[in-house]
Amino acid sequence: MTERMNTPNVEFQQDERFHAGSSSVAWTAVNGKKEIACRVSQELLAGYYGAGRQPEELIATFRSHRDVFEQIALEKIRCGDVESDRSGLFARVVSADYFRQSSV
């Protein structure tokens, strides 16, 4: 169980879009000059939540677990591990095991 960190200087700017071909959910965590861009592909979400779901269902499921993604972003900002996330690999930090355990 993750515990929310009290980080008042962090602002989350969410931009949810699903596009044909490069479907994704995106949001940015900003803390001063540090910024983490998180882009979660529809394929990645489908891998966690089950293939065959409609994009609207995937977005709704992502929203219900958004606190997990925010918690990881806050921890990465705290540790200064920002540059590696600009490539879009950030989403892979969240393991499918977490979601299997949390849905039990």
Protein backbone atom coordinates (compact mmCIF):
# COMPACT_ATOMS: atom_id res chain seq x y z
CA MET A 1 0.00 0.00 0.00
CA THR A 2 1.52 3.31 -1.06
CA GLU A 3 1.23 6.33 1.19
CA ARG A 4 0.74 9.74 -0.39
CA MET A 5 3.64 12.10 0.16
CA ASN A 6 2.99 15.68 1.18
CA THR A 7 4.72 17.62 -1.60
CA PRO A 8 2.94 20.98 -1.94
CA ASN A 9 5.22 22.28 -4.72
CA VAL A 10 4.27 19.54 -7.18
CA GLU A 11 1.62 20.34 -9.74
CA PHE A 12 0.03 17.63 -11.87
CA GLN A 13 -1.08 18.69 -15.33
CA GLN A 14 -3.16 15.97 -16.91
CA ASP A 15 -3.77 15.60 -20.62
CA GLU A 16 -5.74 12.49 -21.53
CA ARG A 17 -5.91 11.66 -25.22
CA PHE A 18 -6.37 8.48 -27.16
CA HIS A 19 -5.24 8.62 -30.79
CA ALA A 20 -5.42 5.94 -33.44
CA GLY A 21 -2.01 4.33 -33.73
CA SER A 22 -0.34 6.07 -30.78
CA SER A 23 -3.07 5.78 -28.17
CA SER A 24 -1.97 7.03 -24.79
CA VAL A 25 -2.85 8.71 -21.55
CA ALA A 26 -0.45 11.50 -20.66
CA TRP A 27 0.20 13.77 -17.70
CA THR A 28 3.06 15.84 -16.40
CA ALA A 29 4.32 16.32 -12.86
CA VAL A 30 6.07 19.64 -12.34
CA ASN A 31 8.18 20.60 -9.33
CA GLY A 32 10.17 23.76 -9.90
CA LYS A 33 12.32 23.07 -12.94
CA LYS A 34 11.97 19.30 -12.66
CA GLU A 35 9.36 17.78 -14.91
CA ILE A 36 8.25 14.19 -15.48
CA ALA A 37 6.23 13.42 -18.56
CA CYS A 38 4.26 10.21 -18.17
CA ARG A 39 2.74 8.67 -21.26
CA VAL A 40 0.91 5.41 -20.82
CA SER A 41 0.11 3.63 -24.06
CA GLN A 42 -3.24 2.00 -24.68
CA GLU A 43 -1.35 -1.26 -25.27
CA LEU A 44 0.37 -0.98 -21.88
CA LEU A 45 -2.92 -0.31 -20.12
CA ALA A 46 -4.54 -3.21 -21.96
CA GLY A 47 -1.70 -5.43 -20.76
CA TYR A 48 -2.52 -4.49 -17.16
CA TYR A 49 -6.28 -4.42 -17.37
CA GLY A 50 -7.13 -6.93 -20.09
CA ALA A 51 -7.07 -6.79 -23.87
CA GLY A 52 -10.26 -6.02 -25.75
CA ARG A 53 -11.36 -3.13 -23.55
CA GLN A 54 -12.58 0.08 -25.16
CA PRO A 55 -10.39 3.21 -24.80
CA GLU A 56 -13.02 4.82 -22.55
CA GLU A 57 -12.82 1.84 -20.17
CA LEU A 58 -9.02 2.03 -20.10
CA ILE A 59 -9.11 5.76 -19.30
CA ALA A 60 -11.61 5.18 -16.49
CA THR A 61 -9.44 2.42 -15.03
CA PHE A 62 -6.33 4.60 -15.30
CA ARG A 63 -8.11 7.41 -13.46
CA SER A 64 -9.04 5.05 -10.63
CA HIS A 65 -5.34 4.14 -10.14
CA ARG A 66 -3.90 7.58 -10.91
CA ASP A 67 -2.69 8.03 -7.32
CA VAL A 68 -0.25 5.16 -7.88
CA PHE A 69 1.31 6.89 -10.89
CA GLU A 70 1.45 10.19 -8.99
CA GLN A 71 3.13 8.52 -6.02
CA ILE A 72 5.85 7.09 -8.26
CA ALA A 73 6.33 10.49 -9.93
CA LEU A 74 6.68 12.19 -6.54
CA GLU A 75 9.27 9.64 -5.44
CA LYS A 76 11.23 10.10 -8.67
CA ILE A 77 11.15 13.89 -8.28
CA ARG A 78 12.36 13.53 -4.68
CA CYS A 79 15.23 11.30 -5.81
CA GLY A 80 16.07 13.55 -8.77
CA ASP A 81 15.53 10.71 -11.27
CA VAL A 82 13.85 12.79 -13.96
CA GLU A 83 15.82 12.59 -17.19
CA SER A 84 15.26 8.86 -17.70
CA ASP A 85 11.50 9.44 -17.74
CA ARG A 86 11.45 11.78 -20.71
CA SER A 87 11.67 8.78 -23.04
CA GLY A 88 8.27 7.48 -21.97
CA LEU A 89 9.67 4.58 -19.95
CA PHE A 90 8.09 5.94 -16.77
CA ALA A 91 4.93 3.89 -17.16
CA ARG A 92 6.92 0.66 -17.08
CA VAL A 93 7.92 1.34 -13.47
CA VAL A 94 4.41 0.34 -12.47
CA SER A 95 4.32 -3.43 -12.55
CA ALA A 96 1.36 -5.52 -13.61
CA ASP A 97 1.79 -7.38 -10.31
CA TYR A 98 0.72 -4.28 -8.39
CA PHE A 99 -2.56 -4.13 -10.24
CA ARG A 100 -3.20 -7.85 -9.86
CA GLN A 101 -2.64 -7.55 -6.09
CA SER A 102 -4.72 -4.38 -5.72
CA SER A 103 -7.70 -5.82 -7.58
CA VAL A 104 -7.99 -8.83 -5.24
